[in-house]
Amino acid sequence: MKIGVLGSGAVAKTLGSGFIKHGYEVMLGTGDKEKLSGWKSENGEKASVSSFENAAKFGDIIVLAVKGSAAESALMLAGKDNIAGKTVIDVSNPIADSAPVNGVLQFFTDQNKSLMEILQNKFERANFVKAFSCVGAPLMVDPDFGGPKPTMFIAGNNEKAKGEVKTILDVFGWEVEDLGFAEAARAIEPLCILWCIPGFRENRWAHAFKLLKK
């Protein structure tokens, strides 16, 4: 299966390398190809770099791995027709440019509307699934805490798309908790705020969430 990743930052490169490690072909879409020359050479023949549009055309599944404030423009560059009918794994969070307050990130959305809902409404023919948004890049692929798998929370309107994402998360070493439809992203996205507080306050970044069940 081919994966088109929209983005060129740490999250995009980490997930791109993770997909390649687990047997996928990956194209990273960027506005600056030179920025990813090292990533491409490190990841071999299954790695390629091109424009947002070409990455969206290339991918059977699309990964949206840009700043939340750039998410809509990245998808516009990718092209509505190129993502139509495809699963779009939405890794982005609506983090505002304002500085954290006592370690608490600020969002440009409110609690009654998630960024993923906004994107799903704008690009209605694509099938968005929120995932990978509540953990830092170094722990996204093959997280190892010496015990049970950590939990990744997902949400989205399309069951087939969520099934594809669940398969990926299982391969990547996660337990999956499906929280339902796109509205549930209102609860998932703020987990980014919670995840970051120990990092900003105490420089502790090596953690993930675990849902305990009886």
N, C-alpha and C. Protein backbone atom coordinates (compact mmCIF):
# COMPACT_ATOMS: atom_id res chain seq x y z
N MET A 1 0.84 -1.19 0.00
CA MET A 1 0.00 0.00 0.00
C MET A 1 0.87 1.24 0.00
N LYS A 2 0.41 2.30 -0.66
CA LYS A 2 1.16 3.54 -0.77
C LYS A 2 0.57 4.59 0.17
N ILE A 3 1.47 5.32 0.82
CA ILE A 3 1.08 6.34 1.78
C ILE A 3 1.58 7.69 1.29
N GLY A 4 0.69 8.66 1.19
CA GLY A 4 1.07 10.03 0.88
C GLY A 4 1.01 10.87 2.14
N VAL A 5 2.15 11.39 2.56
CA VAL A 5 2.22 12.19 3.79
C VAL A 5 2.32 13.67 3.41
N LEU A 6 1.41 14.47 3.92
CA LEU A 6 1.45 15.91 3.68
C LEU A 6 2.18 16.56 4.85
N GLY A 7 3.40 17.03 4.60
CA GLY A 7 4.18 17.64 5.66
C GLY A 7 5.65 17.30 5.54
N SER A 8 6.48 18.10 6.21
CA SER A 8 7.92 17.87 6.14
C SER A 8 8.60 18.06 7.49
N GLY A 9 7.83 18.17 8.56
CA GLY A 9 8.39 18.33 9.89
C GLY A 9 8.69 17.00 10.57
N ALA A 10 8.95 17.07 11.87
CA ALA A 10 9.35 15.87 12.62
C ALA A 10 8.28 14.79 12.59
N VAL A 11 7.01 15.18 12.72
CA VAL A 11 5.92 14.19 12.72
C VAL A 11 5.82 13.51 11.36
N ALA A 12 5.86 14.30 10.30
CA ALA A 12 5.78 13.75 8.94
C ALA A 12 6.93 12.79 8.67
N LYS A 13 8.12 13.17 9.04
CA LYS A 13 9.29 12.32 8.79
C LYS A 13 9.27 11.06 9.64
N THR A 14 8.86 11.20 10.90
CA THR A 14 8.79 10.03 11.78
C THR A 14 7.77 9.03 11.28
N LEU A 15 6.57 9.50 10.95
CA LEU A 15 5.55 8.58 10.46
C LEU A 15 5.94 8.01 9.10
N GLY A 16 6.52 8.84 8.24
CA GLY A 16 6.97 8.34 6.95
C GLY A 16 7.97 7.21 7.09
N SER A 17 8.95 7.38 7.96
CA SER A 17 9.94 6.34 8.20
C SER A 17 9.30 5.11 8.82
N GLY A 18 8.32 5.32 9.70
CA GLY A 18 7.63 4.20 10.33
C GLY A 18 6.86 3.37 9.33
N PHE A 19 6.19 4.02 8.42
CA PHE A 19 5.47 3.28 7.37
C PHE A 19 6.44 2.48 6.51
N ILE A 20 7.56 3.07 6.16
CA ILE A 20 8.55 2.36 5.35
C ILE A 20 9.10 1.16 6.13
N LYS A 21 9.39 1.36 7.40
CA LYS A 21 9.89 0.27 8.24
C LYS A 21 8.93 -0.92 8.23
N HIS A 22 7.64 -0.63 8.16
CA HIS A 22 6.63 -1.69 8.20
C HIS A 22 6.13 -2.09 6.82
N GLY A 23 6.89 -1.76 5.78
CA GLY A 23 6.64 -2.32 4.46
C GLY A 23 5.85 -1.48 3.48
N TYR A 24 5.50 -0.26 3.86
CA TYR A 24 4.73 0.60 2.97
C TYR A 24 5.67 1.43 2.08
N GLU A 25 5.15 1.90 0.94
CA GLU A 25 5.83 2.90 0.14
C GLU A 25 5.30 4.26 0.55
N VAL A 26 6.20 5.26 0.61
CA VAL A 26 5.82 6.56 1.15
C VAL A 26 6.32 7.68 0.26
N MET A 27 5.46 8.64 0.01
CA MET A 27 5.85 9.91 -0.61
C MET A 27 5.50 11.04 0.32
N LEU A 28 6.48 11.86 0.68
CA LEU A 28 6.24 13.03 1.50
C LEU A 28 6.00 14.22 0.59
N GLY A 29 4.91 14.94 0.84
CA GLY A 29 4.59 16.15 0.10
C GLY A 29 5.07 17.38 0.84
N THR A 30 5.73 18.26 0.13
CA THR A 30 6.32 19.43 0.77
C THR A 30 6.42 20.58 -0.22
N GLY A 31 6.59 21.77 0.31
CA GLY A 31 6.86 22.92 -0.54
C GLY A 31 8.34 23.18 -0.67
N ASP A 32 9.17 22.39 -0.01
CA ASP A 32 10.62 22.56 -0.02
C ASP A 32 11.29 21.19 -0.07
N LYS A 33 11.52 20.68 -1.26
CA LYS A 33 12.06 19.32 -1.42
C LYS A 33 13.44 19.17 -0.82
N GLU A 34 14.24 20.22 -0.87
CA GLU A 34 15.60 20.14 -0.32
C GLU A 34 15.59 19.85 1.17
N LYS A 35 14.54 20.32 1.83
CA LYS A 35 14.41 20.11 3.28
C LYS A 35 14.34 18.63 3.63
N LEU A 36 13.89 17.80 2.66
CA LEU A 36 13.70 16.37 2.92
C LEU A 36 14.71 15.49 2.19
N SER A 37 15.77 16.07 1.66
CA SER A 37 16.75 15.26 0.92
C SER A 37 17.42 14.23 1.83
N GLY A 38 17.71 14.61 3.07
CA GLY A 38 18.33 13.69 4.01
C GLY A 38 17.40 12.56 4.37
N TRP A 39 16.12 12.89 4.60
CA TRP A 39 15.12 11.86 4.93
C TRP A 39 15.01 10.85 3.80
N LYS A 40 14.97 11.32 2.58
CA LYS A 40 14.84 10.43 1.43
C LYS A 40 16.03 9.48 1.33
N SER A 41 17.24 9.99 1.47
CA SER A 41 18.42 9.15 1.35
C SER A 41 18.52 8.14 2.49
N GLU A 42 18.03 8.49 3.66
CA GLU A 42 18.08 7.60 4.82
C GLU A 42 17.09 6.44 4.70
N ASN A 43 16.02 6.63 3.92
CA ASN A 43 14.94 5.64 3.91
C ASN A 43 14.87 4.79 2.65
N GLY A 44 15.76 4.99 1.72
CA GLY A 44 15.90 4.06 0.61
C GLY A 44 14.87 4.18 -0.49
N GLU A 45 14.74 3.10 -1.25
CA GLU A 45 13.97 3.14 -2.49
C GLU A 45 12.47 3.26 -2.29
N LYS A 46 11.98 2.95 -1.10
CA LYS A 46 10.53 3.07 -0.86
C LYS A 46 10.14 4.49 -0.44
N ALA A 47 11.12 5.39 -0.37
CA ALA A 47 10.86 6.76 0.04
C ALA A 47 10.99 7.69 -1.16
N SER A 48 10.05 8.62 -1.26
CA SER A 48 10.14 9.65 -2.30
C SER A 48 9.60 10.96 -1.76
N VAL A 49 9.95 12.04 -2.44
CA VAL A 49 9.56 13.39 -2.02
C VAL A 49 9.03 14.13 -3.23
N SER A 50 7.92 14.82 -3.08
CA SER A 50 7.36 15.60 -4.18
C SER A 50 6.47 16.71 -3.62
N SER A 51 5.57 17.20 -4.43
CA SER A 51 4.65 18.26 -4.02
C SER A 51 3.49 17.68 -3.20
N PHE A 52 2.73 18.56 -2.57
CA PHE A 52 1.52 18.13 -1.87
C PHE A 52 0.57 17.43 -2.84
N GLU A 53 0.42 18.00 -4.01
CA GLU A 53 -0.49 17.43 -5.00
C GLU A 53 -0.07 16.02 -5.41
N ASN A 54 1.20 15.84 -5.70
CA ASN A 54 1.67 14.52 -6.13
C ASN A 54 1.61 13.50 -5.01
N ALA A 55 1.87 13.93 -3.78
CA ALA A 55 1.78 13.01 -2.64
C ALA A 55 0.34 12.55 -2.44
N ALA A 56 -0.61 13.47 -2.64
CA ALA A 56 -2.02 13.11 -2.50
C ALA A 56 -2.46 12.16 -3.61
N LYS A 57 -1.97 12.37 -4.81
CA LYS A 57 -2.28 11.45 -5.91
C LYS A 57 -1.66 10.08 -5.67
N PHE A 58 -0.45 10.07 -5.13
CA PHE A 58 0.31 8.84 -4.91
C PHE A 58 -0.33 7.94 -3.86
N GLY A 59 -0.80 8.53 -2.77
CA GLY A 59 -1.20 7.75 -1.61
C GLY A 59 -2.54 7.06 -1.75
N ASP A 60 -2.57 5.77 -1.39
CA ASP A 60 -3.86 5.09 -1.19
C ASP A 60 -4.49 5.60 0.10
N ILE A 61 -3.62 5.95 1.05
CA ILE A 61 -4.01 6.58 2.31
C ILE A 61 -3.19 7.86 2.44
N ILE A 62 -3.83 8.91 2.95
CA ILE A 62 -3.16 10.19 3.13
C ILE A 62 -2.96 10.45 4.62
N VAL A 63 -1.79 11.00 4.98
CA VAL A 63 -1.52 11.41 6.35
C VAL A 63 -1.35 12.92 6.37
N LEU A 64 -2.18 13.60 7.13
CA LEU A 64 -2.10 15.05 7.28
C LEU A 64 -1.24 15.36 8.50
N ALA A 65 0.00 15.77 8.26
CA ALA A 65 0.96 15.96 9.35
C ALA A 65 1.61 17.34 9.25
N VAL A 66 0.76 18.36 9.32
CA VAL A 66 1.23 19.75 9.30
C VAL A 66 0.67 20.47 10.52
N LYS A 67 1.14 21.69 10.76
CA LYS A 67 0.56 22.51 11.82
C LYS A 67 -0.94 22.66 11.59
N GLY A 68 -1.69 22.70 12.67
CA GLY A 68 -3.12 22.84 12.54
C GLY A 68 -3.52 24.07 11.74
N SER A 69 -2.79 25.17 11.93
CA SER A 69 -3.11 26.41 11.22
C SER A 69 -2.84 26.31 9.73
N ALA A 70 -2.04 25.31 9.32
CA ALA A 70 -1.71 25.12 7.90
C ALA A 70 -2.48 23.96 7.28
N ALA A 71 -3.34 23.30 8.04
CA ALA A 71 -3.97 22.07 7.57
C ALA A 71 -4.86 22.31 6.36
N GLU A 72 -5.70 23.32 6.42
CA GLU A 72 -6.62 23.56 5.30
C GLU A 72 -5.86 23.92 4.03
N SER A 73 -4.85 24.77 4.15
CA SER A 73 -4.10 25.17 2.95
C SER A 73 -3.32 23.99 2.38
N ALA A 74 -2.80 23.11 3.24
CA ALA A 74 -2.08 21.92 2.75
C ALA A 74 -3.03 21.02 1.96
N LEU A 75 -4.25 20.87 2.45
CA LEU A 75 -5.23 20.03 1.75
C LEU A 75 -5.68 20.68 0.45
N MET A 76 -5.76 21.99 0.43
CA MET A 76 -6.11 22.67 -0.81
C MET A 76 -5.01 22.47 -1.85
N LEU A 77 -3.74 22.53 -1.42
CA LEU A 77 -2.63 22.28 -2.33
C LEU A 77 -2.63 20.82 -2.80
N ALA A 78 -3.04 19.92 -1.92
CA ALA A 78 -3.12 18.51 -2.29
C ALA A 78 -4.19 18.29 -3.35
N GLY A 79 -5.29 19.04 -3.24
CA GLY A 79 -6.36 18.95 -4.22
C GLY A 79 -7.52 18.12 -3.74
N LYS A 80 -8.71 18.70 -3.75
CA LYS A 80 -9.90 17.99 -3.28
C LYS A 80 -10.13 16.69 -4.03
N ASP A 81 -9.93 16.70 -5.34
CA ASP A 81 -10.17 15.50 -6.13
C ASP A 81 -9.17 14.40 -5.81
N ASN A 82 -7.96 14.78 -5.39
CA ASN A 82 -6.91 13.80 -5.13
C ASN A 82 -7.07 13.08 -3.79
N ILE A 83 -7.86 13.66 -2.89
CA ILE A 83 -8.10 13.00 -1.61
C ILE A 83 -9.52 12.44 -1.51
N ALA A 84 -10.33 12.69 -2.52
CA ALA A 84 -11.72 12.23 -2.50
C ALA A 84 -11.78 10.71 -2.42
N GLY A 85 -12.58 10.20 -1.49
CA GLY A 85 -12.76 8.77 -1.33
C GLY A 85 -11.65 8.08 -0.56
N LYS A 86 -10.61 8.83 -0.17
CA LYS A 86 -9.47 8.23 0.52
C LYS A 86 -9.55 8.47 2.02
N THR A 87 -8.89 7.59 2.75
CA THR A 87 -8.72 7.78 4.19
C THR A 87 -7.66 8.85 4.41
N VAL A 88 -7.99 9.86 5.21
CA VAL A 88 -7.04 10.91 5.58
C VAL A 88 -6.81 10.81 7.09
N ILE A 89 -5.63 10.35 7.47
CA ILE A 89 -5.29 10.27 8.89
C ILE A 89 -4.89 11.67 9.35
N ASP A 90 -5.71 12.24 10.21
CA ASP A 90 -5.51 13.61 10.66
C ASP A 90 -4.72 13.63 11.96
N VAL A 91 -3.45 14.01 11.84
CA VAL A 91 -2.55 14.05 12.99
C VAL A 91 -2.49 15.45 13.60
N SER A 92 -3.07 16.42 12.91
CA SER A 92 -2.91 17.82 13.30
C SER A 92 -3.72 18.18 14.54
N ASN A 93 -3.29 19.25 15.21
CA ASN A 93 -4.01 19.80 16.35
C ASN A 93 -4.14 21.30 16.16
N PRO A 94 -5.24 21.90 16.66
CA PRO A 94 -5.48 23.34 16.46
C PRO A 94 -4.71 24.21 17.45
N ILE A 95 -3.40 24.08 17.45
CA ILE A 95 -2.57 24.82 18.41
C ILE A 95 -2.39 26.25 17.92
N ALA A 96 -2.72 27.21 18.79
CA ALA A 96 -2.58 28.62 18.45
C ALA A 96 -1.12 29.04 18.50
N ASP A 97 -0.83 30.17 17.88
CA ASP A 97 0.55 30.69 17.89
C ASP A 97 0.92 31.27 19.24
N SER A 98 -0.05 31.53 20.10
CA SER A 98 0.22 32.08 21.43
C SER A 98 1.01 31.09 22.27
N ALA A 99 1.82 31.62 23.16
CA ALA A 99 2.65 30.78 24.02
C ALA A 99 1.79 30.04 25.04
N PRO A 100 2.24 28.85 25.49
CA PRO A 100 1.52 28.14 26.55
C PRO A 100 1.43 28.99 27.82
N VAL A 101 0.38 28.77 28.59
CA VAL A 101 0.19 29.46 29.86
C VAL A 101 0.40 28.44 30.98
N ASN A 102 1.47 28.60 31.74
CA ASN A 102 1.81 27.63 32.78
C ASN A 102 1.83 26.21 32.24
N GLY A 103 2.36 26.05 31.04
CA GLY A 103 2.48 24.73 30.43
C GLY A 103 1.26 24.27 29.66
N VAL A 104 0.21 25.10 29.61
CA VAL A 104 -1.04 24.71 28.95
C VAL A 104 -1.12 25.37 27.58
N LEU A 105 -1.13 24.56 26.54
CA LEU A 105 -1.25 25.07 25.18
C LEU A 105 -2.58 25.79 24.98
N GLN A 106 -2.58 26.73 24.06
CA GLN A 106 -3.81 27.41 23.67
C GLN A 106 -4.23 26.95 22.28
N PHE A 107 -5.54 26.77 22.09
CA PHE A 107 -6.10 26.34 20.82
C PHE A 107 -6.80 27.51 20.13
N PHE A 108 -6.91 27.42 18.79
CA PHE A 108 -7.68 28.43 18.06
C PHE A 108 -9.11 27.94 17.78
N THR A 109 -9.48 26.77 18.29
CA THR A 109 -10.86 26.29 18.25
C THR A 109 -11.42 26.33 19.68
N ASP A 110 -12.73 26.10 19.80
CA ASP A 110 -13.30 25.98 21.13
C ASP A 110 -13.76 24.54 21.35
N GLN A 111 -14.30 24.26 22.53
CA GLN A 111 -14.61 22.88 22.91
C GLN A 111 -15.79 22.30 22.13
N ASN A 112 -16.52 23.13 21.41
CA ASN A 112 -17.68 22.66 20.67
C ASN A 112 -17.43 22.47 19.18
N LYS A 113 -16.17 22.55 18.75
CA LYS A 113 -15.83 22.32 17.35
C LYS A 113 -14.38 21.92 17.26
N SER A 114 -14.14 20.77 16.70
CA SER A 114 -12.75 20.31 16.53
C SER A 114 -12.23 20.74 15.17
N LEU A 115 -10.92 20.77 15.05
CA LEU A 115 -10.30 21.06 13.75
C LEU A 115 -10.69 19.99 12.74
N MET A 116 -10.73 18.73 13.15
CA MET A 116 -11.06 17.68 12.19
C MET A 116 -12.47 17.84 11.64
N GLU A 117 -13.42 18.26 12.46
CA GLU A 117 -14.77 18.50 11.96
C GLU A 117 -14.78 19.60 10.91
N ILE A 118 -14.01 20.64 11.15
CA ILE A 118 -13.92 21.74 10.19
C ILE A 118 -13.37 21.24 8.86
N LEU A 119 -12.33 20.43 8.94
CA LEU A 119 -11.71 19.89 7.72
C LEU A 119 -12.65 18.91 7.01
N GLN A 120 -13.33 18.08 7.78
CA GLN A 120 -14.26 17.12 7.18
C GLN A 120 -15.39 17.84 6.45
N ASN A 121 -15.87 18.93 7.02
CA ASN A 121 -16.93 19.69 6.38
C ASN A 121 -16.43 20.40 5.11
N LYS A 122 -15.17 20.82 5.14
CA LYS A 122 -14.59 21.52 4.00
C LYS A 122 -14.25 20.56 2.86
N PHE A 123 -13.78 19.38 3.22
CA PHE A 123 -13.37 18.38 2.24
C PHE A 123 -14.25 17.15 2.43
N GLU A 124 -15.53 17.30 2.11
CA GLU A 124 -16.53 16.32 2.50
C GLU A 124 -16.39 14.97 1.80
N ARG A 125 -15.69 14.91 0.68
CA ARG A 125 -15.56 13.63 -0.03
C ARG A 125 -14.42 12.78 0.49
N ALA A 126 -13.58 13.33 1.34
CA ALA A 126 -12.50 12.56 1.97
C ALA A 126 -13.01 11.96 3.28
N ASN A 127 -12.33 10.93 3.77
CA ASN A 127 -12.75 10.24 4.99
C ASN A 127 -11.70 10.46 6.08
N PHE A 128 -11.93 11.47 6.89
CA PHE A 128 -10.96 11.83 7.93
C PHE A 128 -11.07 10.91 9.14
N VAL A 129 -9.91 10.57 9.67
CA VAL A 129 -9.82 9.80 10.92
C VAL A 129 -8.77 10.46 11.79
N LYS A 130 -9.17 10.90 12.96
CA LYS A 130 -8.23 11.49 13.91
C LYS A 130 -7.40 10.39 14.55
N ALA A 131 -6.07 10.54 14.50
CA ALA A 131 -5.17 9.55 15.12
C ALA A 131 -3.78 10.17 15.26
N PHE A 132 -2.98 9.63 16.16
CA PHE A 132 -1.60 10.06 16.40
C PHE A 132 -1.50 11.48 16.95
N SER A 133 -2.61 12.07 17.34
CA SER A 133 -2.59 13.48 17.74
C SER A 133 -2.35 13.69 19.24
N CYS A 134 -2.31 12.62 20.01
CA CYS A 134 -2.20 12.76 21.47
C CYS A 134 -0.90 12.16 22.01
N VAL A 135 0.15 12.20 21.17
CA VAL A 135 1.46 11.69 21.60
C VAL A 135 2.52 12.37 20.76
N GLY A 136 3.74 12.46 21.28
CA GLY A 136 4.82 13.10 20.54
C GLY A 136 5.40 12.19 19.46
N ALA A 137 6.05 12.81 18.49
CA ALA A 137 6.57 12.08 17.34
C ALA A 137 7.45 10.89 17.70
N PRO A 138 8.39 11.00 18.66
CA PRO A 138 9.27 9.86 18.93
C PRO A 138 8.57 8.60 19.39
N LEU A 139 7.32 8.72 19.87
CA LEU A 139 6.59 7.57 20.39
C LEU A 139 5.49 7.09 19.45
N MET A 140 5.38 7.67 18.27
CA MET A 140 4.27 7.32 17.38
C MET A 140 4.39 5.93 16.78
N VAL A 141 5.61 5.47 16.57
CA VAL A 141 5.84 4.19 15.92
C VAL A 141 6.56 3.25 16.89
N ASP A 142 5.98 2.08 17.11
CA ASP A 142 6.56 1.06 17.99
C ASP A 142 6.87 1.58 19.39
N PRO A 143 5.88 2.17 20.06
CA PRO A 143 6.12 2.64 21.43
C PRO A 143 6.34 1.46 22.37
N ASP A 144 7.34 1.57 23.21
CA ASP A 144 7.67 0.48 24.12
C ASP A 144 7.78 1.02 25.54
N PHE A 145 6.80 0.67 26.38
CA PHE A 145 6.81 1.09 27.77
C PHE A 145 7.06 -0.09 28.71
N GLY A 146 7.51 -1.20 28.14
CA GLY A 146 7.84 -2.35 28.95
C GLY A 146 6.65 -3.07 29.54
N GLY A 147 5.49 -2.89 28.94
CA GLY A 147 4.28 -3.53 29.45
C GLY A 147 3.19 -3.52 28.40
N PRO A 148 1.93 -3.40 28.83
CA PRO A 148 0.83 -3.38 27.86
C PRO A 148 0.97 -2.23 26.86
N LYS A 149 0.35 -2.41 25.71
CA LYS A 149 0.39 -1.37 24.69
C LYS A 149 -0.32 -0.10 25.18
N PRO A 150 0.20 1.08 24.82
CA PRO A 150 -0.55 2.31 25.11
C PRO A 150 -1.77 2.41 24.21
N THR A 151 -2.66 3.32 24.55
CA THR A 151 -3.92 3.47 23.82
C THR A 151 -3.87 4.66 22.87
N MET A 152 -4.29 4.42 21.63
CA MET A 152 -4.48 5.51 20.68
C MET A 152 -5.98 5.70 20.46
N PHE A 153 -6.45 6.92 20.68
CA PHE A 153 -7.86 7.24 20.50
C PHE A 153 -8.09 7.71 19.07
N ILE A 154 -9.13 7.19 18.44
CA ILE A 154 -9.45 7.59 17.07
C ILE A 154 -10.92 7.98 16.97
N ALA A 155 -11.24 8.72 15.91
CA ALA A 155 -12.63 9.07 15.62
C ALA A 155 -12.75 9.39 14.15
N GLY A 156 -13.94 9.18 13.61
CA GLY A 156 -14.19 9.48 12.21
C GLY A 156 -15.55 8.96 11.80
N ASN A 157 -16.06 9.44 10.69
CA ASN A 157 -17.41 9.10 10.26
C ASN A 157 -17.50 7.83 9.41
N ASN A 158 -16.37 7.41 8.84
CA ASN A 158 -16.39 6.30 7.89
C ASN A 158 -15.78 5.05 8.52
N GLU A 159 -16.57 3.98 8.61
CA GLU A 159 -16.10 2.76 9.29
C GLU A 159 -14.97 2.08 8.53
N LYS A 160 -15.03 2.09 7.21
CA LYS A 160 -13.96 1.47 6.42
C LYS A 160 -12.64 2.20 6.64
N ALA A 161 -12.71 3.52 6.66
CA ALA A 161 -11.50 4.32 6.88
C ALA A 161 -10.93 4.04 8.27
N LYS A 162 -11.80 3.96 9.27
CA LYS A 162 -11.31 3.66 10.62
C LYS A 162 -10.71 2.27 10.69
N GLY A 163 -11.27 1.34 9.92
CA GLY A 163 -10.70 0.00 9.87
C GLY A 163 -9.29 0.02 9.32
N GLU A 164 -9.05 0.83 8.30
CA GLU A 164 -7.70 0.93 7.73
C GLU A 164 -6.73 1.52 8.75
N VAL A 165 -7.19 2.51 9.49
CA VAL A 165 -6.33 3.14 10.50
C VAL A 165 -6.07 2.19 11.66
N LYS A 166 -7.07 1.43 12.07
CA LYS A 166 -6.88 0.44 13.13
C LYS A 166 -5.81 -0.59 12.74
N THR A 167 -5.82 -1.02 11.49
CA THR A 167 -4.81 -1.97 11.01
C THR A 167 -3.41 -1.38 11.13
N ILE A 168 -3.27 -0.12 10.72
CA ILE A 168 -1.98 0.56 10.82
C ILE A 168 -1.55 0.68 12.27
N LEU A 169 -2.45 1.11 13.13
CA LEU A 169 -2.10 1.28 14.54
C LEU A 169 -1.71 -0.03 15.19
N ASP A 170 -2.35 -1.10 14.81
CA ASP A 170 -1.99 -2.42 15.33
C ASP A 170 -0.57 -2.79 14.90
N VAL A 171 -0.26 -2.54 13.65
CA VAL A 171 1.09 -2.81 13.14
C VAL A 171 2.12 -1.94 13.86
N PHE A 172 1.74 -0.72 14.15
CA PHE A 172 2.66 0.23 14.80
C PHE A 172 2.77 0.01 16.31
N GLY A 173 2.00 -0.92 16.87
CA GLY A 173 2.16 -1.27 18.28
C GLY A 173 1.23 -0.58 19.24
N TRP A 174 0.04 -0.17 18.76
CA TRP A 174 -0.91 0.52 19.62
C TRP A 174 -2.16 -0.31 19.89
N GLU A 175 -2.75 -0.12 21.05
CA GLU A 175 -4.12 -0.53 21.32
C GLU A 175 -5.01 0.60 20.82
N VAL A 176 -6.13 0.26 20.19
CA VAL A 176 -6.99 1.27 19.59
C VAL A 176 -8.30 1.39 20.36
N GLU A 177 -8.68 2.61 20.63
CA GLU A 177 -9.98 2.90 21.23
C GLU A 177 -10.74 3.82 20.27
N ASP A 178 -11.76 3.26 19.62
CA ASP A 178 -12.58 4.01 18.68
C ASP A 178 -13.66 4.76 19.45
N LEU A 179 -13.62 6.07 19.41
CA LEU A 179 -14.56 6.89 20.16
C LEU A 179 -15.76 7.34 19.35
N GLY A 180 -15.86 6.83 18.11
CA GLY A 180 -17.07 7.11 17.34
C GLY A 180 -16.88 8.11 16.22
N PHE A 181 -17.84 8.99 16.07
CA PHE A 181 -17.91 9.87 14.91
C PHE A 181 -17.00 11.10 15.07
N ALA A 182 -17.01 11.95 14.04
CA ALA A 182 -16.09 13.08 13.99
C ALA A 182 -16.21 14.00 15.21
N GLU A 183 -17.39 14.11 15.77
CA GLU A 183 -17.57 14.98 16.94
C GLU A 183 -16.66 14.59 18.10
N ALA A 184 -16.29 13.32 18.17
CA ALA A 184 -15.43 12.86 19.26
C ALA A 184 -14.03 13.46 19.18
N ALA A 185 -13.67 14.01 18.03
CA ALA A 185 -12.38 14.69 17.93
C ALA A 185 -12.32 15.90 18.85
N ARG A 186 -13.49 16.41 19.25
CA ARG A 186 -13.53 17.51 20.24
C ARG A 186 -12.91 17.09 21.56
N ALA A 187 -12.97 15.80 21.87
CA ALA A 187 -12.36 15.28 23.09
C ALA A 187 -10.93 14.81 22.86
N ILE A 188 -10.65 14.32 21.65
CA ILE A 188 -9.31 13.77 21.38
C ILE A 188 -8.27 14.87 21.21
N GLU A 189 -8.61 15.90 20.46
CA GLU A 189 -7.62 16.95 20.21
C GLU A 189 -7.09 17.60 21.48
N PRO A 190 -7.93 17.89 22.50
CA PRO A 190 -7.39 18.48 23.72
C PRO A 190 -6.46 17.56 24.52
N LEU A 191 -6.46 16.26 24.20
CA LEU A 191 -5.48 15.38 24.86
C LEU A 191 -4.05 15.82 24.55
N CYS A 192 -3.86 16.50 23.43
CA CYS A 192 -2.56 17.08 23.11
C CYS A 192 -2.13 18.07 24.19
N ILE A 193 -3.08 18.87 24.67
CA ILE A 193 -2.79 19.83 25.74
C ILE A 193 -2.33 19.09 27.00
N LEU A 194 -3.10 18.07 27.36
CA LEU A 194 -2.77 17.28 28.55
C LEU A 194 -1.43 16.59 28.41
N TRP A 195 -1.18 16.02 27.22
CA TRP A 195 0.08 15.30 26.99
C TRP A 195 1.28 16.24 27.14
N CYS A 196 1.13 17.49 26.71
CA CYS A 196 2.27 18.41 26.69
C CYS A 196 2.59 19.04 28.05
N ILE A 197 1.64 19.06 28.98
CA ILE A 197 1.88 19.76 30.25
C ILE A 197 3.11 19.24 30.99
N PRO A 198 3.28 17.91 31.18
CA PRO A 198 4.50 17.46 31.87
C PRO A 198 5.78 17.84 31.12
N GLY A 199 5.67 17.92 29.79
CA GLY A 199 6.84 18.31 29.00
C GLY A 199 7.23 19.76 29.24
N PHE A 200 6.25 20.64 29.15
CA PHE A 200 6.55 22.06 29.34
C PHE A 200 6.94 22.38 30.77
N ARG A 201 6.31 21.72 31.73
CA ARG A 201 6.57 22.04 33.13
C ARG A 201 7.80 21.35 33.69
N GLU A 202 8.05 20.10 33.26
CA GLU A 202 9.13 19.32 33.89
C GLU A 202 10.06 18.65 32.88
N ASN A 203 9.91 19.00 31.60
CA ASN A 203 10.71 18.40 30.53
C ASN A 203 10.57 16.88 30.48
N ARG A 204 9.35 16.40 30.76
CA ARG A 204 9.04 14.98 30.65
C ARG A 204 8.16 14.76 29.42
N TRP A 205 8.72 14.07 28.43
CA TRP A 205 8.02 13.89 27.16
C TRP A 205 7.82 12.43 26.78
N ALA A 206 8.34 11.50 27.57
CA ALA A 206 8.29 10.08 27.20
C ALA A 206 7.11 9.36 27.86
N HIS A 207 5.90 9.74 27.48
CA HIS A 207 4.71 9.14 28.07
C HIS A 207 3.61 9.05 27.01
N ALA A 208 2.61 8.22 27.31
CA ALA A 208 1.45 8.07 26.44
C ALA A 208 0.26 7.73 27.32
N PHE A 209 -0.93 7.75 26.73
CA PHE A 209 -2.15 7.46 27.48
C PHE A 209 -2.49 5.96 27.41
N LYS A 210 -3.13 5.50 28.48
CA LYS A 210 -3.60 4.11 28.54
C LYS A 210 -5.00 4.10 29.13
N LEU A 211 -5.95 3.54 28.39
CA LEU A 211 -7.30 3.39 28.89
C LEU A 211 -7.42 2.05 29.59
N LEU A 212 -7.72 2.07 30.88
CA LEU A 212 -7.86 0.84 31.65
C LEU A 212 -9.31 0.40 31.63
N LYS A 213 -9.52 -0.89 31.43
CA LYS A 213 -10.88 -1.43 31.32
C LYS A 213 -11.04 -2.62 32.25
N LYS A 214 -12.24 -2.77 32.79
CA LYS A 214 -12.55 -3.94 33.63
C LYS A 214 -13.23 -4.99 32.78
